[in-house]
């Protein structure tokens, strides 16, 4: 088995590479020219410009490839146009390149997001794959458009789409801020503390990706991947606080303050060219009450289930942050 992986130096991609290498897969990573991520000596790296279809198509990495895992993408941008350049164009170029090769490709797995589907209507109606997609901000819209590009190639190559819920685990940068807040005497909530979401531990998600790639019945299918438990931000803060031996006072930041912070983040991005976690798109994601999805199709068709409990996953993540010096 020979797998091409994009996003290999990122949070999810690095865990996927570890799992593929462990099972004996030959891994070839496609990386951007500006990539400065750590290089694994067991992985072969090819530099391509994902915005240049010719660069992707003519890469020598394609020879003999059996699987493609497209994990790379952007989560922090200011406008829909910027998200499209980061998520839609590279996906289309990768699909075109894979379809144009003389390969015996067994599967092309595209890692999307629940943001492409949108939030649930209420606590008892988690979003399912057959529901009409209704993204509420630019990131989700770009992931939905990348999904649509993937489906257009379904007659040429065997494709599968996986939509994770909120992903957490060692090496994640975004959840690091939550851990930092939860260890303080006063912990501020940006999103509503009662906002309920479907979480998935990163190594559980990786297993879902690998199983989706290997399951014949998964061809042409879309799957949500998350745990069954609805988890609130308050649940997460309290669980981290228990592990850290702290008892923070939780304070909810008012919605007008968050809206103002989001606009400020957009302005800073425009002025500096940098991308910040706080922006109007992230604020939009904080508004819905229920970010819940139903993973029963993945359980039924792939035989996959999220096995890591919230406490175990948060503890392992916390210990990794401390060990690596991300938390002092």
Protein backbone atom coordinates (compact mmCIF):
# COMPACT_ATOMS: atom_id res chain seq x y z
CA UNK A 1 0.00 0.00 0.00
CA UNK A 2 1.33 3.41 -1.00
CA UNK A 3 -0.46 6.49 0.32
CA UNK A 4 -0.17 10.13 -0.65
CA UNK A 5 -0.97 12.37 2.32
CA UNK A 6 -1.50 16.13 2.33
CA UNK A 7 -1.29 18.07 5.57
CA UNK A 8 1.22 15.57 6.96
CA UNK A 9 2.85 18.10 9.31
CA UNK A 10 -0.47 19.33 10.71
CA UNK A 11 -2.44 18.18 13.72
CA UNK A 12 -4.60 15.46 12.15
CA UNK A 13 -2.21 14.68 9.30
CA UNK A 14 0.75 13.94 11.57
CA UNK A 15 -1.30 11.44 13.59
CA UNK A 16 -2.54 9.84 10.36
CA UNK A 17 1.05 9.47 9.11
CA UNK A 18 2.05 7.80 12.39
CA UNK A 19 -0.79 5.30 12.09
CA UNK A 20 -0.10 4.53 8.43
CA UNK A 21 3.59 3.94 9.09
CA UNK A 22 2.75 1.70 12.03
CA UNK A 23 0.69 -0.58 9.78
CA UNK A 24 3.48 -0.75 7.19
CA UNK A 25 2.16 1.71 4.60
CA UNK A 26 4.60 3.59 2.38
CA UNK A 27 3.81 7.27 2.95
CA UNK A 28 4.49 10.06 0.48
CA UNK A 29 3.75 13.57 1.69
CA UNK A 30 2.89 16.45 -0.62
CA UNK A 31 4.09 19.68 0.98
CA UNK A 32 3.94 23.35 0.00
CA UNK A 33 7.14 25.16 -1.02
CA UNK A 34 6.93 27.30 2.12
CA UNK A 35 6.39 24.32 4.45
CA UNK A 36 8.71 24.38 7.46
CA UNK A 37 7.17 21.53 9.43
CA UNK A 38 9.22 18.73 10.97
CA UNK A 39 10.18 15.96 8.55
CA UNK A 40 9.76 12.29 9.41
CA UNK A 41 12.72 10.25 8.09
CA UNK A 42 10.34 7.38 7.27
CA UNK A 43 8.29 9.57 4.91
CA UNK A 44 9.15 10.63 1.35
CA UNK A 45 8.39 14.31 0.70
CA UNK A 46 7.48 15.97 -2.58
CA UNK A 47 7.14 19.73 -2.88
CA UNK A 48 4.16 20.94 -4.92
CA UNK A 49 2.22 24.16 -5.28
CA UNK A 50 -1.38 23.12 -4.50
CA UNK A 51 -2.71 26.16 -6.37
CA UNK A 52 -0.91 25.09 -9.56
CA UNK A 53 -2.64 22.08 -11.15
CA UNK A 54 0.40 21.33 -13.29
CA UNK A 55 2.70 21.24 -10.26
CA UNK A 56 0.44 18.73 -8.55
CA UNK A 57 -0.23 16.65 -11.66
CA UNK A 58 3.43 16.32 -12.68
CA UNK A 59 4.75 15.35 -9.26
CA UNK A 60 6.72 12.10 -9.20
CA UNK A 61 4.90 11.17 -5.98
CA UNK A 62 2.01 9.57 -7.90
CA UNK A 63 3.80 6.49 -9.20
CA UNK A 64 2.16 3.34 -7.84
CA UNK A 65 -0.09 5.16 -5.36
CA UNK A 66 -3.03 3.16 -4.02
CA UNK A 67 -4.56 5.64 -1.54
CA UNK A 68 -4.84 9.41 -1.18
CA UNK A 69 -5.66 11.12 2.11
CA UNK A 70 -6.40 14.80 1.58
CA UNK A 71 -6.14 16.30 5.06
CA UNK A 72 -4.59 19.69 4.30
CA UNK A 73 -6.73 22.79 4.52
CA UNK A 74 -7.04 26.18 6.16
CA UNK A 75 -9.25 26.99 9.15
CA UNK A 76 -8.35 30.64 9.79
CA UNK A 77 -8.98 33.11 7.00
CA UNK A 78 -10.83 36.41 6.66
CA UNK A 79 -12.95 36.04 3.51
CA UNK A 80 -14.68 33.29 1.55
CA UNK A 81 -12.32 33.96 -1.36
CA UNK A 82 -9.32 33.26 0.89
CA UNK A 83 -10.94 30.08 2.19
CA UNK A 84 -11.60 28.93 -1.36
CA UNK A 85 -7.94 29.38 -2.27
CA UNK A 86 -6.97 27.37 0.79
CA UNK A 87 -9.60 24.61 0.64
CA UNK A 88 -11.40 24.36 -2.70
CA UNK A 89 -8.71 25.01 -5.33
CA UNK A 90 -6.13 22.61 -3.83
CA UNK A 91 -8.79 19.90 -3.50
CA UNK A 92 -9.85 20.27 -7.12
CA UNK A 93 -6.22 20.20 -8.30
CA UNK A 94 -5.46 17.10 -6.26
CA UNK A 95 -8.54 15.29 -7.58
CA UNK A 96 -7.69 16.23 -11.15
CA UNK A 97 -4.14 14.99 -10.71
CA UNK A 98 -5.25 11.70 -9.17
CA UNK A 99 -7.83 11.12 -11.90
CA UNK A 100 -5.27 11.85 -14.62
CA UNK A 101 -2.75 9.28 -13.46
CA UNK A 102 -2.66 5.66 -14.60
CA UNK A 103 -3.25 4.39 -11.09
CA UNK A 104 -5.04 1.50 -9.50
CA UNK A 105 -6.35 3.90 -6.90
CA UNK A 106 -8.35 2.16 -4.20
CA UNK A 107 -9.58 5.29 -2.44
CA UNK A 108 -9.37 9.06 -2.25
CA UNK A 109 -10.37 10.17 1.26
CA UNK A 110 -11.27 13.82 1.69
CA UNK A 111 -11.29 15.14 5.25
CA UNK A 112 -14.06 17.70 5.48
CA UNK A 113 -15.76 19.09 8.60
CA UNK A 114 -19.13 19.24 10.31
CA UNK A 115 -18.95 22.96 9.51
CA UNK A 116 -19.77 21.98 5.91
CA UNK A 117 -23.08 20.52 7.08
CA UNK A 118 -23.90 23.18 9.65
CA UNK A 119 -25.30 22.95 13.20
CA UNK A 120 -28.17 20.82 14.48
CA UNK A 121 -31.62 22.26 15.02
CA UNK A 122 -31.91 20.98 18.58
CA UNK A 123 -30.38 18.59 21.10
CA UNK A 124 -32.43 15.61 19.87
CA UNK A 125 -31.75 16.07 16.15
CA UNK A 126 -28.03 15.67 15.39
CA UNK A 127 -27.10 16.36 11.79
CA UNK A 128 -27.06 13.30 9.51
CA UNK A 129 -25.40 12.77 6.16
CA UNK A 130 -28.70 12.85 4.27
CA UNK A 131 -29.66 16.24 5.69
CA UNK A 132 -29.35 19.29 3.45
CA UNK A 133 -26.06 21.08 4.12
CA UNK A 134 -26.37 24.60 5.53
CA UNK A 135 -22.98 26.05 6.47
CA UNK A 136 -23.21 29.30 8.40
CA UNK A 137 -19.85 30.91 7.66
CA UNK A 138 -17.07 31.01 5.09
CA UNK A 139 -14.96 28.10 6.34
CA UNK A 140 -17.92 25.71 6.28
CA UNK A 141 -18.98 26.98 2.86
CA UNK A 142 -15.49 26.36 1.46
CA UNK A 143 -15.42 22.82 2.87
CA UNK A 144 -18.84 22.14 1.36
CA UNK A 145 -17.60 23.37 -2.03
CA UNK A 146 -14.55 21.11 -1.69
CA UNK A 147 -16.92 18.21 -0.94
CA UNK A 148 -18.87 19.05 -4.11
CA UNK A 149 -15.63 19.05 -6.11
CA UNK A 150 -14.82 15.62 -4.64
CA UNK A 151 -18.22 14.20 -5.61
CA UNK A 152 -17.80 15.43 -9.20
CA UNK A 153 -14.87 13.03 -9.56
CA UNK A 154 -16.74 10.05 -8.12
CA UNK A 155 -17.15 8.46 -11.57
CA UNK A 156 -13.40 8.70 -12.27
CA UNK A 157 -11.89 7.72 -8.93
CA UNK A 158 -13.23 6.02 -5.77
CA UNK A 159 -13.87 8.81 -3.28
CA UNK A 160 -15.02 8.95 0.34
CA UNK A 161 -15.74 12.05 2.43
CA UNK A 162 -15.33 12.11 6.21
CA UNK A 163 -16.80 14.96 8.26
CA UNK A 164 -15.25 15.04 11.75
CA UNK A 165 -16.88 16.79 14.66
CA UNK A 166 -14.63 19.00 16.77
CA UNK A 167 -11.23 17.26 16.88
CA UNK A 168 -8.94 17.40 19.91
CA UNK A 169 -5.79 15.66 21.10
CA UNK A 170 -2.00 16.01 21.38
CA UNK A 171 -0.41 18.50 18.93
CA UNK A 172 -3.61 20.54 18.54
CA UNK A 173 -3.08 24.29 18.74
CA UNK A 174 -6.68 25.51 18.92
CA UNK A 175 -7.74 23.50 21.98
CA UNK A 176 -4.54 24.59 23.72
CA UNK A 177 -6.21 27.94 24.47
CA UNK A 178 -9.05 26.12 26.24
CA UNK A 179 -6.58 24.24 28.43
CA UNK A 180 -4.82 27.47 29.31
CA UNK A 181 -8.09 29.13 30.33
CA UNK A 182 -9.27 26.15 32.36
CA UNK A 183 -6.13 26.22 34.51
CA UNK A 184 -6.56 29.84 35.54
CA UNK A 185 -8.37 31.18 38.59
CA UNK A 186 -10.82 32.91 36.26
CA UNK A 187 -11.68 31.10 33.03
CA UNK A 188 -13.33 33.09 30.26
CA UNK A 189 -15.71 31.45 27.80
CA UNK A 190 -15.69 32.85 24.29
CA UNK A 191 -18.34 30.41 23.01
CA UNK A 192 -21.43 29.92 25.23
CA UNK A 193 -20.47 27.58 28.06
CA UNK A 194 -23.61 25.52 27.36
CA UNK A 195 -22.94 25.15 23.64
CA UNK A 196 -23.10 21.40 22.98
CA UNK A 197 -20.89 19.73 20.39
CA UNK A 198 -19.82 16.36 19.07
CA UNK A 199 -16.14 15.73 19.81
CA UNK A 200 -13.73 13.17 18.41
CA UNK A 201 -10.29 12.30 19.75
CA UNK A 202 -7.69 12.59 17.01
CA UNK A 203 -6.58 8.95 17.05
CA UNK A 204 -10.19 7.77 16.87
CA UNK A 205 -10.65 10.01 13.84
CA UNK A 206 -7.52 8.58 12.21
CA UNK A 207 -8.96 5.10 12.57
CA UNK A 208 -12.14 6.29 10.88
CA UNK A 209 -10.10 7.66 7.95
CA UNK A 210 -8.17 4.42 7.52
CA UNK A 211 -11.30 2.28 7.78
CA UNK A 212 -13.09 4.51 5.26
CA UNK A 213 -10.16 4.03 2.87
CA UNK A 214 -10.20 0.25 3.22
CA UNK A 215 -13.97 -0.40 3.20
CA UNK A 216 -15.32 -1.22 -0.24
CA UNK A 217 -18.84 -0.16 0.75
CA UNK A 218 -17.54 3.33 1.64
CA UNK A 219 -16.90 4.27 -1.98
CA UNK A 220 -18.94 7.34 -2.89
CA UNK A 221 -20.17 7.74 0.68
CA UNK A 222 -20.00 10.54 3.25
CA UNK A 223 -19.55 9.88 6.97
CA UNK A 224 -19.69 11.89 10.16
CA UNK A 225 -17.05 10.88 12.70
CA UNK A 226 -17.55 11.84 16.34
CA UNK A 227 -18.36 10.42 19.73
CA UNK A 228 -21.96 9.83 20.82
CA UNK A 229 -21.74 12.07 23.88
CA UNK A 230 -22.83 15.70 23.58
CA UNK A 231 -20.14 17.76 25.31
CA UNK A 232 -20.41 21.39 26.43
CA UNK A 233 -17.57 23.87 26.82
CA UNK A 234 -18.27 23.85 30.55
CA UNK A 235 -17.81 20.05 30.58
CA UNK A 236 -14.40 20.48 28.94
CA UNK A 237 -13.27 23.30 31.25
CA UNK A 238 -14.28 21.33 34.34
CA UNK A 239 -12.60 18.13 33.15
CA UNK A 240 -9.33 19.96 32.42
CA UNK A 241 -9.55 21.78 35.75
CA UNK A 242 -9.85 18.45 37.57
CA UNK A 243 -6.73 17.15 35.85
CA UNK A 244 -4.82 20.35 36.60
CA UNK A 245 -6.02 20.51 40.21
CA UNK A 246 -7.63 23.93 39.70
CA UNK A 247 -11.09 25.34 40.40
CA UNK A 248 -11.63 28.25 38.02
CA UNK A 249 -14.47 30.72 38.19
CA UNK A 250 -16.12 30.51 34.77
CA UNK A 251 -17.16 33.80 33.19
CA UNK A 252 -19.12 34.08 29.96
CA UNK A 253 -17.94 36.84 27.65
CA UNK A 254 -20.94 38.82 26.31
CA UNK A 255 -21.94 38.37 22.67
CA UNK A 256 -21.35 42.06 21.73
CA UNK A 257 -17.77 41.82 23.04
CA UNK A 258 -17.17 38.69 20.96
CA UNK A 259 -18.59 40.36 17.86
CA UNK A 260 -16.29 43.32 18.38
CA UNK A 261 -13.29 41.02 18.93
CA UNK A 262 -14.11 39.17 15.71
CA UNK A 263 -14.14 42.39 13.72
CA UNK A 264 -10.88 43.45 15.35
CA UNK A 265 -9.33 40.13 14.35
CA UNK A 266 -10.43 40.67 10.76
CA UNK A 267 -8.90 44.14 10.75
CA UNK A 268 -5.60 42.89 12.17
CA UNK A 269 -5.53 40.16 9.54
CA UNK A 270 -6.11 42.73 6.79
CA UNK A 271 -3.35 45.00 8.13
CA UNK A 272 -0.73 42.36 8.96
CA UNK A 273 -1.47 39.54 6.52
CA UNK A 274 -1.54 37.11 9.46
CA UNK A 275 -4.48 34.85 10.34
CA UNK A 276 -5.94 34.95 13.84
CA UNK A 277 -8.10 32.49 15.75
CA UNK A 278 -10.54 35.23 16.70
CA UNK A 279 -12.35 36.55 13.62
CA UNK A 280 -15.91 36.99 12.41
CA UNK A 281 -16.05 33.45 11.03
CA UNK A 282 -15.06 31.92 14.37
CA UNK A 283 -17.58 34.15 16.16
CA UNK A 284 -20.28 32.87 13.81
CA UNK A 285 -19.41 29.29 14.75
CA UNK A 286 -19.91 30.15 18.44
CA UNK A 287 -23.53 31.28 18.02
CA UNK A 288 -25.46 28.03 17.34
CA UNK A 289 -26.55 26.12 20.44
CA UNK A 290 -25.98 22.61 19.08
CA UNK A 291 -23.03 21.43 16.98
CA UNK A 292 -24.12 17.81 17.05
CA UNK A 293 -23.75 15.10 14.40
CA UNK A 294 -24.82 11.47 14.13
CA UNK A 295 -22.06 8.92 13.42
CA UNK A 296 -24.33 5.89 13.20
CA UNK A 297 -23.62 5.43 9.47
CA UNK A 298 -19.89 5.08 10.19
CA UNK A 299 -20.64 2.55 12.93
CA UNK A 300 -23.00 0.59 10.69
CA UNK A 301 -21.01 0.60 7.42
CA UNK A 302 -17.40 0.92 8.57
CA UNK A 303 -17.61 -0.83 11.92
CA UNK A 304 -16.04 2.28 13.46
CA UNK A 305 -16.77 3.79 16.84
CA UNK A 306 -15.08 6.45 18.93
CA UNK A 307 -13.58 4.49 21.83
CA UNK A 308 -11.75 7.24 23.74
CA UNK A 309 -13.69 8.71 26.65
CA UNK A 310 -13.67 12.46 27.19
CA UNK A 311 -11.72 12.19 30.45
CA UNK A 312 -9.11 9.86 28.96
CA UNK A 313 -8.70 11.97 25.84
CA UNK A 314 -8.39 15.24 27.73
CA UNK A 315 -5.97 13.71 30.22
CA UNK A 316 -3.69 12.39 27.48
CA UNK A 317 -3.86 15.74 25.71
CA UNK A 318 -3.13 17.66 28.91
CA UNK A 319 -0.15 15.44 29.75
CA UNK A 320 1.25 15.88 26.25
CA UNK A 321 0.94 19.68 26.46
CA UNK A 322 2.81 19.66 29.77
CA UNK A 323 5.49 17.24 28.58
CA UNK A 324 6.17 19.25 25.43
CA UNK A 325 6.23 22.56 27.33
CA UNK A 326 3.11 23.94 25.68
CA UNK A 327 1.63 24.35 29.17
CA UNK A 328 3.87 25.65 31.92
